[in-house]
């Protein structure tokens, strides 16, 4: 990425990636379905402890929106969808595809995408506390979340899991040419070959052709 390029952050959460990119001169627009996350994203970094992130407010914008219904049109040079911010959280048939389709529409021809997904192989081998549905590729677990005040709550979590082949097929169906699919861990992204031993895969792709151009 070069300074001045525009990046769409899909499932941006509280803006962790958006503000970091903005500190390097990238223009970022973040989308998330959570009102509270968007409020936090808009406030963080402006008066925060990191001087490098101050003064970049004009290059970072956020909106509350549903990743399945994004209506952008060739407005961005690149997109990120990381840490299951949106992709993989949609467990009904076709909903993850709707996220990818929206990203494809948002990118200019040749636009780049970095997208992470849970590793289906890893889920089958190691998720002892979760139930994996082989027919749908969805993992179900009961986990604990905490509010900003520290209050704990038990919730059900359903996560779509993928193999590299499934990721390639889905991305190709929406005009992407996949450059790599790597085994990664949260906080340790890189380009290691895909294996069964990592919790996530990272797909890097370019938009080869617009959906409207496909026959």
N, C-alpha and C. Protein backbone atom coordinates (compact mmCIF):
# COMPACT_ATOMS: atom_id res chain seq x y z
N UNK A 1 0.84 -1.20 0.00
CA UNK A 1 0.00 0.00 0.00
C UNK A 1 0.87 1.25 0.00
N UNK A 2 0.38 2.29 -0.68
CA UNK A 2 1.08 3.55 -0.74
C UNK A 2 0.25 4.64 -0.07
N UNK A 3 0.90 5.64 0.52
CA UNK A 3 0.15 6.74 1.11
C UNK A 3 -0.83 7.35 0.11
N UNK A 4 -2.03 7.62 0.57
CA UNK A 4 -3.06 8.19 -0.28
C UNK A 4 -4.01 7.18 -0.86
N UNK A 5 -3.63 5.90 -0.85
CA UNK A 5 -4.56 4.88 -1.34
C UNK A 5 -5.69 4.68 -0.33
N UNK A 6 -6.82 4.19 -0.83
CA UNK A 6 -8.01 4.01 0.00
C UNK A 6 -8.22 2.53 0.31
N UNK A 7 -8.47 2.24 1.59
CA UNK A 7 -8.68 0.87 2.04
C UNK A 7 -10.03 0.77 2.73
N UNK A 8 -10.76 -0.28 2.42
CA UNK A 8 -12.02 -0.60 3.09
C UNK A 8 -11.73 -1.65 4.14
N UNK A 9 -12.07 -1.35 5.40
CA UNK A 9 -11.88 -2.27 6.51
C UNK A 9 -13.25 -2.87 6.86
N UNK A 10 -13.47 -4.10 6.45
CA UNK A 10 -14.77 -4.76 6.61
C UNK A 10 -14.80 -5.51 7.94
N UNK A 11 -15.77 -5.18 8.78
CA UNK A 11 -15.79 -5.73 10.13
C UNK A 11 -14.68 -5.11 10.94
N UNK A 12 -14.62 -3.78 10.95
CA UNK A 12 -13.49 -3.04 11.50
C UNK A 12 -13.38 -3.08 13.01
N UNK A 13 -14.45 -3.53 13.69
CA UNK A 13 -14.41 -3.55 15.15
C UNK A 13 -14.18 -2.17 15.72
N UNK A 14 -13.25 -2.07 16.65
CA UNK A 14 -12.97 -0.78 17.29
C UNK A 14 -11.89 0.01 16.56
N UNK A 15 -11.55 -0.38 15.33
CA UNK A 15 -10.65 0.43 14.51
C UNK A 15 -9.18 0.16 14.66
N UNK A 16 -8.84 -0.98 15.22
CA UNK A 16 -7.43 -1.29 15.46
C UNK A 16 -6.60 -1.21 14.19
N UNK A 17 -7.05 -1.87 13.14
CA UNK A 17 -6.28 -1.87 11.89
C UNK A 17 -6.42 -0.54 11.16
N UNK A 18 -7.60 0.04 11.20
CA UNK A 18 -7.84 1.29 10.47
C UNK A 18 -6.91 2.41 10.95
N UNK A 19 -6.82 2.58 12.26
CA UNK A 19 -5.98 3.66 12.79
C UNK A 19 -4.51 3.40 12.50
N UNK A 20 -4.09 2.14 12.54
CA UNK A 20 -2.69 1.82 12.26
C UNK A 20 -2.36 2.14 10.81
N UNK A 21 -3.25 1.78 9.89
CA UNK A 21 -3.02 2.11 8.48
C UNK A 21 -2.99 3.62 8.26
N UNK A 22 -3.91 4.32 8.92
CA UNK A 22 -3.96 5.78 8.77
C UNK A 22 -2.68 6.45 9.23
N UNK A 23 -2.03 5.87 10.25
CA UNK A 23 -0.77 6.42 10.74
C UNK A 23 0.32 6.33 9.68
N UNK A 24 0.12 5.49 8.67
CA UNK A 24 1.08 5.34 7.58
C UNK A 24 0.60 6.04 6.30
N UNK A 25 -0.36 6.93 6.44
CA UNK A 25 -0.79 7.74 5.31
C UNK A 25 -1.85 7.12 4.43
N UNK A 26 -2.46 6.01 4.88
CA UNK A 26 -3.49 5.35 4.11
C UNK A 26 -4.86 5.92 4.49
N UNK A 27 -5.71 6.15 3.51
CA UNK A 27 -7.08 6.58 3.79
C UNK A 27 -7.94 5.34 4.01
N UNK A 28 -8.66 5.29 5.14
CA UNK A 28 -9.37 4.08 5.53
C UNK A 28 -10.82 4.40 5.84
N UNK A 29 -11.70 3.52 5.38
CA UNK A 29 -13.12 3.59 5.77
C UNK A 29 -13.49 2.26 6.40
N UNK A 30 -13.93 2.31 7.65
CA UNK A 30 -14.28 1.10 8.37
C UNK A 30 -15.78 0.90 8.48
N UNK A 31 -16.21 -0.34 8.35
CA UNK A 31 -17.62 -0.71 8.46
C UNK A 31 -17.77 -1.80 9.51
N UNK A 32 -18.72 -1.63 10.41
CA UNK A 32 -19.00 -2.67 11.40
C UNK A 32 -20.48 -2.60 11.78
N UNK A 33 -21.03 -3.74 12.15
CA UNK A 33 -22.46 -3.80 12.47
C UNK A 33 -22.76 -3.33 13.89
N UNK A 34 -21.72 -3.21 14.72
CA UNK A 34 -21.90 -2.84 16.12
C UNK A 34 -21.83 -1.32 16.31
N UNK A 35 -22.91 -0.74 16.82
CA UNK A 35 -22.91 0.70 17.11
C UNK A 35 -21.80 1.05 18.09
N UNK A 36 -21.64 0.25 19.13
CA UNK A 36 -20.64 0.57 20.16
C UNK A 36 -19.23 0.50 19.60
N UNK A 37 -18.96 -0.50 18.79
CA UNK A 37 -17.63 -0.59 18.20
C UNK A 37 -17.33 0.63 17.34
N UNK A 38 -18.31 1.08 16.58
CA UNK A 38 -18.10 2.26 15.74
C UNK A 38 -17.85 3.49 16.59
N UNK A 39 -18.59 3.64 17.68
CA UNK A 39 -18.35 4.78 18.59
C UNK A 39 -16.92 4.76 19.11
N UNK A 40 -16.46 3.59 19.52
CA UNK A 40 -15.10 3.48 20.05
C UNK A 40 -14.08 3.75 18.94
N UNK A 41 -14.33 3.20 17.75
CA UNK A 41 -13.41 3.40 16.63
C UNK A 41 -13.25 4.87 16.29
N UNK A 42 -14.35 5.60 16.32
CA UNK A 42 -14.28 7.03 15.99
C UNK A 42 -13.51 7.82 17.04
N UNK A 43 -13.52 7.37 18.27
CA UNK A 43 -12.88 8.14 19.34
C UNK A 43 -11.42 7.77 19.57
N UNK A 44 -11.04 6.55 19.26
CA UNK A 44 -9.68 6.10 19.57
C UNK A 44 -8.66 6.68 18.60
N UNK A 45 -7.45 6.89 19.11
CA UNK A 45 -6.38 7.37 18.25
C UNK A 45 -6.30 8.87 18.14
N UNK A 46 -7.42 9.59 18.34
CA UNK A 46 -7.39 11.04 18.17
C UNK A 46 -6.63 11.70 19.31
N UNK A 47 -6.96 11.34 20.53
CA UNK A 47 -6.28 11.90 21.70
C UNK A 47 -5.55 10.82 22.47
N UNK A 48 -5.23 9.73 21.79
CA UNK A 48 -4.61 8.61 22.44
C UNK A 48 -3.14 8.85 22.73
N UNK A 49 -2.49 7.87 23.35
CA UNK A 49 -1.10 8.04 23.79
C UNK A 49 -0.08 7.98 22.66
N UNK A 50 -0.46 7.50 21.49
CA UNK A 50 0.49 7.35 20.40
C UNK A 50 0.49 8.59 19.52
N UNK A 51 1.56 9.41 19.57
CA UNK A 51 1.58 10.65 18.78
C UNK A 51 1.46 10.40 17.29
N UNK A 52 1.92 9.23 16.82
CA UNK A 52 1.87 8.95 15.39
C UNK A 52 0.45 8.85 14.88
N UNK A 53 -0.51 8.60 15.78
CA UNK A 53 -1.89 8.45 15.35
C UNK A 53 -2.69 9.74 15.48
N UNK A 54 -2.10 10.77 16.03
CA UNK A 54 -2.79 12.03 16.13
C UNK A 54 -2.73 12.78 14.81
N UNK A 55 -3.73 13.55 14.53
CA UNK A 55 -3.73 14.37 13.33
C UNK A 55 -4.10 13.63 12.08
N UNK A 56 -4.56 12.36 12.19
CA UNK A 56 -4.92 11.60 10.99
C UNK A 56 -6.43 11.39 10.91
N UNK A 57 -7.18 12.11 11.72
CA UNK A 57 -8.61 11.88 11.77
C UNK A 57 -9.27 12.08 10.41
N UNK A 58 -8.77 13.03 9.62
CA UNK A 58 -9.39 13.32 8.33
C UNK A 58 -9.26 12.16 7.35
N UNK A 59 -8.31 11.24 7.58
CA UNK A 59 -8.11 10.14 6.65
C UNK A 59 -8.75 8.84 7.12
N UNK A 60 -9.50 8.88 8.23
CA UNK A 60 -10.16 7.70 8.75
C UNK A 60 -11.64 8.01 8.97
N UNK A 61 -12.51 7.21 8.40
CA UNK A 61 -13.94 7.36 8.61
C UNK A 61 -14.53 6.00 8.96
N UNK A 62 -15.64 6.04 9.68
CA UNK A 62 -16.30 4.80 10.10
C UNK A 62 -17.80 4.95 9.92
N UNK A 63 -18.45 3.82 9.64
CA UNK A 63 -19.89 3.81 9.59
C UNK A 63 -20.44 2.49 10.11
N UNK A 64 -21.61 2.57 10.72
CA UNK A 64 -22.30 1.38 11.15
C UNK A 64 -22.99 0.79 9.92
N UNK A 65 -22.68 -0.46 9.59
CA UNK A 65 -23.28 -1.06 8.42
C UNK A 65 -23.16 -2.57 8.45
N UNK A 66 -23.94 -3.22 7.63
CA UNK A 66 -23.96 -4.68 7.53
C UNK A 66 -23.08 -5.10 6.37
N UNK A 67 -22.08 -5.93 6.64
CA UNK A 67 -21.13 -6.35 5.61
C UNK A 67 -21.81 -7.12 4.48
N UNK A 68 -23.01 -7.66 4.73
CA UNK A 68 -23.71 -8.42 3.70
C UNK A 68 -24.41 -7.53 2.69
N UNK A 69 -24.58 -6.25 3.01
CA UNK A 69 -25.36 -5.37 2.15
C UNK A 69 -24.61 -4.10 1.76
N UNK A 70 -23.29 -4.15 1.72
CA UNK A 70 -22.51 -2.97 1.35
C UNK A 70 -22.80 -2.56 -0.09
N UNK A 71 -22.85 -1.25 -0.32
CA UNK A 71 -23.23 -0.75 -1.64
C UNK A 71 -22.15 0.14 -2.26
N UNK A 72 -20.89 -0.10 -1.92
CA UNK A 72 -19.80 0.67 -2.52
C UNK A 72 -19.61 0.26 -3.97
N UNK A 73 -19.01 1.18 -4.75
CA UNK A 73 -18.84 0.93 -6.17
C UNK A 73 -17.47 1.40 -6.63
N UNK A 74 -16.51 0.50 -6.68
CA UNK A 74 -15.17 0.79 -7.23
C UNK A 74 -14.51 1.98 -6.55
N UNK A 75 -14.66 2.08 -5.24
CA UNK A 75 -14.16 3.25 -4.52
C UNK A 75 -12.84 3.02 -3.80
N UNK A 76 -12.36 1.76 -3.76
CA UNK A 76 -11.22 1.46 -2.91
C UNK A 76 -10.12 0.73 -3.69
N UNK A 77 -8.87 0.99 -3.25
CA UNK A 77 -7.72 0.33 -3.84
C UNK A 77 -7.46 -1.03 -3.22
N UNK A 78 -7.92 -1.21 -1.99
CA UNK A 78 -7.70 -2.47 -1.29
C UNK A 78 -8.76 -2.63 -0.22
N UNK A 79 -8.89 -3.86 0.27
CA UNK A 79 -9.83 -4.15 1.35
C UNK A 79 -9.18 -5.15 2.29
N UNK A 80 -9.51 -5.03 3.57
CA UNK A 80 -9.10 -6.02 4.55
C UNK A 80 -10.34 -6.52 5.27
N UNK A 81 -10.33 -7.79 5.60
CA UNK A 81 -11.40 -8.40 6.39
C UNK A 81 -10.70 -9.41 7.28
N UNK A 82 -10.28 -8.97 8.46
CA UNK A 82 -9.36 -9.73 9.29
C UNK A 82 -9.97 -10.08 10.64
N UNK A 83 -9.44 -11.13 11.22
CA UNK A 83 -9.85 -11.56 12.57
C UNK A 83 -11.34 -11.86 12.66
N UNK A 84 -11.90 -12.38 11.59
CA UNK A 84 -13.31 -12.74 11.56
C UNK A 84 -14.19 -11.56 11.96
N UNK A 85 -13.82 -10.37 11.48
CA UNK A 85 -14.65 -9.20 11.75
C UNK A 85 -16.01 -9.29 11.09
N UNK A 86 -16.10 -9.97 9.96
CA UNK A 86 -17.37 -10.15 9.26
C UNK A 86 -17.41 -11.51 8.60
N UNK A 87 -16.42 -11.81 7.77
CA UNK A 87 -16.38 -13.09 7.07
C UNK A 87 -16.22 -14.23 8.07
N UNK A 88 -17.05 -15.26 7.92
CA UNK A 88 -17.02 -16.38 8.85
C UNK A 88 -18.00 -16.25 9.98
N UNK A 89 -18.51 -15.06 10.19
CA UNK A 89 -19.53 -14.85 11.21
C UNK A 89 -20.94 -15.07 10.66
N UNK A 90 -21.05 -15.18 9.33
CA UNK A 90 -22.35 -15.34 8.68
C UNK A 90 -22.56 -16.82 8.39
N UNK A 91 -23.34 -17.49 9.19
CA UNK A 91 -23.42 -18.94 9.08
C UNK A 91 -24.58 -19.43 8.22
N UNK A 92 -25.49 -18.56 7.81
CA UNK A 92 -26.56 -18.98 6.91
C UNK A 92 -25.99 -19.13 5.49
N UNK A 93 -26.60 -19.98 4.71
CA UNK A 93 -26.12 -20.25 3.36
C UNK A 93 -26.05 -18.97 2.53
N UNK A 94 -24.90 -18.75 1.92
CA UNK A 94 -24.75 -17.62 1.01
C UNK A 94 -24.33 -16.32 1.64
N UNK A 95 -24.31 -16.23 2.98
CA UNK A 95 -24.02 -14.93 3.59
C UNK A 95 -22.54 -14.56 3.51
N UNK A 96 -21.65 -15.52 3.68
CA UNK A 96 -20.24 -15.20 3.49
C UNK A 96 -19.98 -14.79 2.04
N UNK A 97 -20.67 -15.45 1.10
CA UNK A 97 -20.53 -15.07 -0.30
C UNK A 97 -21.00 -13.64 -0.54
N UNK A 98 -22.04 -13.22 0.19
CA UNK A 98 -22.53 -11.85 0.05
C UNK A 98 -21.49 -10.85 0.53
N UNK A 99 -20.75 -11.20 1.57
CA UNK A 99 -19.67 -10.32 2.05
C UNK A 99 -18.59 -10.18 0.99
N UNK A 100 -18.18 -11.30 0.39
CA UNK A 100 -17.14 -11.27 -0.64
C UNK A 100 -17.63 -10.50 -1.86
N UNK A 101 -18.89 -10.68 -2.23
CA UNK A 101 -19.43 -9.96 -3.38
C UNK A 101 -19.41 -8.46 -3.14
N UNK A 102 -19.76 -8.03 -1.93
CA UNK A 102 -19.74 -6.61 -1.60
C UNK A 102 -18.34 -6.03 -1.64
N UNK A 103 -17.36 -6.81 -1.20
CA UNK A 103 -15.97 -6.37 -1.27
C UNK A 103 -15.53 -6.23 -2.72
N UNK A 104 -15.91 -7.20 -3.54
CA UNK A 104 -15.53 -7.14 -4.96
C UNK A 104 -16.11 -5.90 -5.63
N UNK A 105 -17.36 -5.58 -5.32
CA UNK A 105 -17.97 -4.37 -5.90
C UNK A 105 -17.26 -3.10 -5.42
N UNK A 106 -16.75 -3.14 -4.20
CA UNK A 106 -16.13 -1.95 -3.62
C UNK A 106 -14.76 -1.65 -4.19
N UNK A 107 -14.10 -2.66 -4.76
CA UNK A 107 -12.73 -2.49 -5.23
C UNK A 107 -12.66 -2.04 -6.69
N UNK A 108 -11.63 -1.26 -6.97
CA UNK A 108 -11.30 -0.95 -8.35
C UNK A 108 -10.68 -2.18 -9.01
N UNK A 109 -10.72 -2.29 -10.32
CA UNK A 109 -10.05 -3.41 -10.99
C UNK A 109 -8.59 -3.49 -10.57
N UNK A 110 -8.15 -4.66 -10.21
CA UNK A 110 -6.79 -4.84 -9.72
C UNK A 110 -6.66 -4.60 -8.23
N UNK A 111 -7.75 -4.22 -7.58
CA UNK A 111 -7.71 -3.97 -6.15
C UNK A 111 -7.37 -5.22 -5.37
N UNK A 112 -6.72 -5.02 -4.23
CA UNK A 112 -6.20 -6.14 -3.45
C UNK A 112 -7.08 -6.43 -2.24
N UNK A 113 -7.05 -7.67 -1.81
CA UNK A 113 -7.84 -8.11 -0.66
C UNK A 113 -6.97 -8.97 0.24
N UNK A 114 -7.03 -8.71 1.54
CA UNK A 114 -6.47 -9.60 2.56
C UNK A 114 -7.63 -10.03 3.45
N UNK A 115 -7.88 -11.34 3.49
CA UNK A 115 -9.04 -11.88 4.20
C UNK A 115 -8.62 -13.08 5.02
N UNK A 116 -9.02 -13.11 6.29
CA UNK A 116 -8.69 -14.25 7.12
C UNK A 116 -9.94 -15.08 7.39
N UNK A 117 -9.72 -16.37 7.61
CA UNK A 117 -10.82 -17.30 7.87
C UNK A 117 -10.34 -18.39 8.81
N UNK A 118 -11.25 -18.93 9.60
CA UNK A 118 -10.88 -20.05 10.47
C UNK A 118 -10.57 -21.28 9.63
N UNK A 119 -9.58 -22.03 10.08
CA UNK A 119 -9.08 -23.22 9.41
C UNK A 119 -9.96 -24.41 9.78
N UNK A 120 -10.67 -24.96 8.82
CA UNK A 120 -11.57 -26.09 9.08
C UNK A 120 -10.79 -27.31 9.58
N UNK A 121 -9.61 -27.55 9.03
CA UNK A 121 -8.80 -28.69 9.46
C UNK A 121 -8.45 -28.57 10.95
N UNK A 122 -8.05 -27.37 11.34
CA UNK A 122 -7.66 -27.12 12.73
C UNK A 122 -8.86 -27.31 13.66
N UNK A 123 -10.03 -26.83 13.22
CA UNK A 123 -11.23 -26.96 14.03
C UNK A 123 -11.57 -28.42 14.29
N UNK A 124 -11.44 -29.24 13.27
CA UNK A 124 -11.75 -30.67 13.42
C UNK A 124 -10.76 -31.34 14.37
N UNK A 125 -9.48 -30.96 14.26
CA UNK A 125 -8.44 -31.64 15.03
C UNK A 125 -8.36 -31.19 16.49
N UNK A 126 -8.61 -29.89 16.73
CA UNK A 126 -8.25 -29.35 18.04
C UNK A 126 -9.37 -28.69 18.84
N UNK A 127 -10.50 -28.41 18.24
CA UNK A 127 -11.56 -27.74 18.98
C UNK A 127 -12.36 -28.75 19.80
N UNK A 128 -11.76 -29.21 20.89
CA UNK A 128 -12.40 -30.23 21.74
C UNK A 128 -13.63 -29.69 22.46
N UNK A 129 -13.66 -28.39 22.71
CA UNK A 129 -14.77 -27.79 23.44
C UNK A 129 -15.85 -27.25 22.50
N UNK A 130 -15.73 -27.53 21.22
CA UNK A 130 -16.69 -27.04 20.24
C UNK A 130 -17.25 -28.20 19.45
N UNK A 131 -18.39 -27.97 18.83
CA UNK A 131 -19.01 -28.96 17.96
C UNK A 131 -18.87 -28.48 16.51
N UNK A 132 -18.28 -29.35 15.68
CA UNK A 132 -18.09 -29.00 14.28
C UNK A 132 -19.10 -29.75 13.43
N UNK A 133 -19.88 -29.00 12.66
CA UNK A 133 -20.88 -29.59 11.77
C UNK A 133 -20.23 -29.81 10.40
N UNK A 134 -19.95 -31.06 10.07
CA UNK A 134 -19.26 -31.37 8.82
C UNK A 134 -20.10 -31.01 7.60
N UNK A 135 -21.41 -31.02 7.74
CA UNK A 135 -22.28 -30.74 6.60
C UNK A 135 -22.26 -29.26 6.22
N UNK A 136 -22.07 -28.38 7.19
CA UNK A 136 -22.11 -26.94 6.93
C UNK A 136 -20.75 -26.27 7.08
N UNK A 137 -19.80 -26.94 7.72
CA UNK A 137 -18.50 -26.31 7.96
C UNK A 137 -18.54 -25.28 9.06
N UNK A 138 -19.53 -25.36 9.95
CA UNK A 138 -19.71 -24.38 11.01
C UNK A 138 -19.36 -24.99 12.36
N UNK A 139 -18.56 -24.27 13.13
CA UNK A 139 -18.18 -24.68 14.47
C UNK A 139 -19.04 -23.94 15.49
N UNK A 140 -19.56 -24.66 16.47
CA UNK A 140 -20.39 -24.05 17.53
C UNK A 140 -19.72 -24.27 18.87
N UNK A 141 -19.60 -23.19 19.63
CA UNK A 141 -19.04 -23.30 20.98
C UNK A 141 -19.74 -22.31 21.90
N UNK A 142 -19.65 -22.59 23.17
CA UNK A 142 -20.14 -21.68 24.20
C UNK A 142 -18.92 -21.01 24.81
N UNK A 143 -18.90 -19.68 24.78
CA UNK A 143 -17.74 -18.95 25.26
C UNK A 143 -18.16 -17.83 26.19
N UNK A 144 -17.21 -17.22 26.84
CA UNK A 144 -17.49 -16.13 27.77
C UNK A 144 -17.00 -14.81 27.20
N UNK A 145 -17.85 -13.82 27.24
CA UNK A 145 -17.46 -12.48 26.84
C UNK A 145 -17.60 -11.55 28.05
N UNK A 146 -16.95 -10.41 27.98
CA UNK A 146 -17.01 -9.45 29.09
C UNK A 146 -17.36 -8.06 28.56
N UNK A 147 -18.16 -7.36 29.30
CA UNK A 147 -18.52 -5.99 28.95
C UNK A 147 -17.35 -5.06 29.28
N UNK A 148 -17.47 -3.81 28.89
CA UNK A 148 -16.43 -2.84 29.21
C UNK A 148 -16.23 -2.68 30.70
N UNK A 149 -17.30 -2.97 31.48
CA UNK A 149 -17.22 -2.89 32.94
C UNK A 149 -16.67 -4.17 33.56
N UNK A 150 -16.41 -5.19 32.71
CA UNK A 150 -15.87 -6.44 33.21
C UNK A 150 -16.90 -7.49 33.56
N UNK A 151 -18.17 -7.21 33.30
CA UNK A 151 -19.22 -8.18 33.60
C UNK A 151 -19.15 -9.33 32.59
N UNK A 152 -19.20 -10.56 33.10
CA UNK A 152 -19.08 -11.75 32.26
C UNK A 152 -20.44 -12.25 31.84
N UNK A 153 -20.48 -12.81 30.62
CA UNK A 153 -21.71 -13.39 30.10
C UNK A 153 -21.36 -14.57 29.21
N UNK A 154 -22.11 -15.65 29.33
CA UNK A 154 -21.92 -16.82 28.49
C UNK A 154 -22.77 -16.70 27.24
N UNK A 155 -22.14 -16.92 26.06
CA UNK A 155 -22.86 -16.77 24.79
C UNK A 155 -22.52 -17.93 23.86
N UNK A 156 -23.40 -18.18 22.91
CA UNK A 156 -23.15 -19.15 21.85
C UNK A 156 -22.42 -18.46 20.71
N UNK A 157 -21.44 -19.15 20.15
CA UNK A 157 -20.66 -18.60 19.05
C UNK A 157 -20.62 -19.60 17.91
N UNK A 158 -21.09 -19.19 16.75
CA UNK A 158 -21.05 -20.02 15.55
C UNK A 158 -20.05 -19.40 14.57
N UNK A 159 -19.14 -20.19 14.07
CA UNK A 159 -18.10 -19.68 13.19
C UNK A 159 -17.95 -20.56 11.95
N UNK A 160 -18.03 -19.95 10.79
CA UNK A 160 -17.79 -20.67 9.55
C UNK A 160 -16.31 -20.96 9.37
N UNK A 161 -15.97 -22.20 9.04
CA UNK A 161 -14.58 -22.62 8.87
C UNK A 161 -14.35 -23.04 7.42
N UNK A 162 -13.12 -22.86 6.95
CA UNK A 162 -12.83 -23.06 5.53
C UNK A 162 -11.54 -23.84 5.31
N UNK A 163 -11.51 -24.55 4.19
CA UNK A 163 -10.27 -25.12 3.67
C UNK A 163 -9.71 -24.17 2.63
N UNK A 164 -8.43 -24.26 2.30
CA UNK A 164 -7.89 -23.40 1.25
C UNK A 164 -8.63 -23.55 -0.08
N UNK A 165 -9.02 -24.77 -0.41
CA UNK A 165 -9.73 -24.99 -1.67
C UNK A 165 -11.06 -24.23 -1.68
N UNK A 166 -11.78 -24.27 -0.57
CA UNK A 166 -13.06 -23.55 -0.50
C UNK A 166 -12.85 -22.05 -0.62
N UNK A 167 -11.80 -21.53 0.00
CA UNK A 167 -11.52 -20.10 -0.11
C UNK A 167 -11.20 -19.72 -1.55
N UNK A 168 -10.39 -20.53 -2.22
CA UNK A 168 -10.05 -20.23 -3.62
C UNK A 168 -11.29 -20.24 -4.50
N UNK A 169 -12.14 -21.23 -4.32
CA UNK A 169 -13.34 -21.33 -5.15
C UNK A 169 -14.28 -20.15 -4.90
N UNK A 170 -14.47 -19.78 -3.63
CA UNK A 170 -15.37 -18.68 -3.31
C UNK A 170 -14.85 -17.36 -3.86
N UNK A 171 -13.56 -17.11 -3.68
CA UNK A 171 -12.99 -15.85 -4.16
C UNK A 171 -12.99 -15.80 -5.69
N UNK A 172 -12.66 -16.91 -6.32
CA UNK A 172 -12.66 -16.94 -7.79
C UNK A 172 -14.05 -16.70 -8.35
N UNK A 173 -15.07 -17.19 -7.66
CA UNK A 173 -16.45 -17.01 -8.13
C UNK A 173 -16.86 -15.54 -8.14
N UNK A 174 -16.12 -14.69 -7.42
CA UNK A 174 -16.45 -13.27 -7.37
C UNK A 174 -15.36 -12.42 -8.01
N UNK A 175 -14.59 -13.04 -8.92
CA UNK A 175 -13.66 -12.28 -9.74
C UNK A 175 -12.27 -12.11 -9.19
N UNK A 176 -11.93 -12.79 -8.09
CA UNK A 176 -10.61 -12.63 -7.49
C UNK A 176 -9.62 -13.68 -8.00
N UNK A 177 -8.40 -13.25 -8.22
CA UNK A 177 -7.29 -14.15 -8.50
C UNK A 177 -6.49 -14.28 -7.21
N UNK A 178 -6.48 -15.46 -6.64
CA UNK A 178 -5.81 -15.68 -5.35
C UNK A 178 -4.31 -15.77 -5.55
N UNK A 179 -3.58 -14.96 -4.80
CA UNK A 179 -2.12 -14.97 -4.90
C UNK A 179 -1.50 -15.91 -3.87
N UNK A 180 -2.10 -16.00 -2.70
CA UNK A 180 -1.56 -16.91 -1.67
C UNK A 180 -2.62 -17.18 -0.63
N UNK A 181 -2.52 -18.36 -0.02
CA UNK A 181 -3.28 -18.70 1.17
C UNK A 181 -2.29 -19.27 2.17
N UNK A 182 -2.16 -18.61 3.29
CA UNK A 182 -1.10 -18.93 4.25
C UNK A 182 -1.69 -19.36 5.59
N UNK A 183 -0.94 -20.16 6.32
CA UNK A 183 -1.29 -20.51 7.69
C UNK A 183 -0.83 -19.39 8.62
N UNK A 184 -1.74 -18.89 9.43
CA UNK A 184 -1.41 -17.77 10.30
C UNK A 184 -2.03 -17.97 11.68
N UNK A 185 -1.55 -17.17 12.62
CA UNK A 185 -2.12 -17.11 13.96
C UNK A 185 -2.39 -15.65 14.30
N UNK A 186 -3.36 -15.37 15.17
CA UNK A 186 -3.63 -13.98 15.55
C UNK A 186 -2.35 -13.31 16.06
N UNK A 187 -2.05 -12.15 15.52
CA UNK A 187 -0.87 -11.41 15.92
C UNK A 187 0.41 -11.89 15.27
N UNK A 188 0.32 -12.90 14.40
CA UNK A 188 1.51 -13.44 13.75
C UNK A 188 1.20 -13.81 12.32
N UNK A 189 0.82 -12.81 11.53
CA UNK A 189 0.51 -13.04 10.12
C UNK A 189 1.80 -13.12 9.31
N UNK A 190 1.76 -13.99 8.30
CA UNK A 190 2.92 -14.13 7.43
C UNK A 190 2.52 -14.92 6.21
N UNK A 191 3.49 -15.59 5.60
CA UNK A 191 3.24 -16.31 4.36
C UNK A 191 3.70 -17.77 4.45
N UNK A 192 3.54 -18.38 5.63
CA UNK A 192 3.85 -19.79 5.77
C UNK A 192 2.85 -20.62 4.96
N UNK A 193 3.28 -21.74 4.39
CA UNK A 193 2.37 -22.57 3.60
C UNK A 193 1.17 -23.03 4.44
N UNK A 194 0.04 -23.22 3.77
CA UNK A 194 -1.17 -23.67 4.44
C UNK A 194 -0.96 -25.07 5.01
N UNK A 195 -1.33 -25.26 6.28
CA UNK A 195 -1.23 -26.56 6.94
C UNK A 195 -2.49 -26.79 7.77
N UNK A 196 -2.56 -27.95 8.38
CA UNK A 196 -3.68 -28.26 9.29
C UNK A 196 -3.42 -27.75 10.69
N UNK A 197 -2.27 -27.14 10.94
CA UNK A 197 -1.85 -26.85 12.30
C UNK A 197 -2.04 -25.40 12.73
N UNK A 198 -2.57 -24.54 11.89
CA UNK A 198 -2.77 -23.14 12.27
C UNK A 198 -4.26 -22.87 12.48
N UNK A 199 -4.62 -22.00 13.41
CA UNK A 199 -6.03 -21.72 13.64
C UNK A 199 -6.70 -20.95 12.51
N UNK A 200 -5.93 -20.21 11.71
CA UNK A 200 -6.52 -19.39 10.66
C UNK A 200 -5.74 -19.53 9.35
N UNK A 201 -6.43 -19.18 8.28
CA UNK A 201 -5.79 -18.98 6.98
C UNK A 201 -5.88 -17.50 6.62
N UNK A 202 -4.90 -17.02 5.91
CA UNK A 202 -4.91 -15.66 5.37
C UNK A 202 -4.85 -15.75 3.85
N UNK A 203 -5.89 -15.27 3.20
CA UNK A 203 -5.94 -15.25 1.74
C UNK A 203 -5.59 -13.85 1.24
N UNK A 204 -4.69 -13.79 0.27
CA UNK A 204 -4.33 -12.53 -0.38
C UNK A 204 -4.69 -12.68 -1.85
N UNK A 205 -5.47 -11.73 -2.36
CA UNK A 205 -5.99 -11.85 -3.72
C UNK A 205 -6.10 -10.49 -4.38
N UNK A 206 -6.23 -10.52 -5.71
CA UNK A 206 -6.47 -9.31 -6.49
C UNK A 206 -7.76 -9.48 -7.28
N UNK A 207 -8.48 -8.37 -7.47
CA UNK A 207 -9.70 -8.41 -8.26
C UNK A 207 -9.32 -8.44 -9.73
N UNK A 208 -9.51 -9.59 -10.36
CA UNK A 208 -9.13 -9.76 -11.75
C UNK A 208 -10.16 -9.19 -12.70
N UNK A 209 -11.43 -9.26 -12.32
CA UNK A 209 -12.49 -8.70 -13.15
C UNK A 209 -13.72 -8.41 -12.31
N UNK A 210 -14.43 -7.37 -12.70
CA UNK A 210 -15.62 -6.98 -11.99
C UNK A 210 -16.74 -7.99 -12.22
N UNK A 211 -17.62 -8.12 -11.24
CA UNK A 211 -18.73 -9.06 -11.35
C UNK A 211 -19.55 -8.75 -12.58
N UNK A 212 -19.79 -7.49 -12.87
CA UNK A 212 -20.61 -7.10 -14.01
C UNK A 212 -19.97 -7.45 -15.34
N UNK A 213 -18.64 -7.71 -15.30
CA UNK A 213 -17.92 -8.04 -16.52
C UNK A 213 -17.95 -9.53 -16.82
N UNK A 214 -18.38 -10.33 -15.84
CA UNK A 214 -18.33 -11.78 -16.02
C UNK A 214 -19.53 -12.28 -16.80
N UNK A 215 -19.29 -13.23 -17.67
CA UNK A 215 -20.37 -13.83 -18.43
C UNK A 215 -20.94 -15.01 -17.68
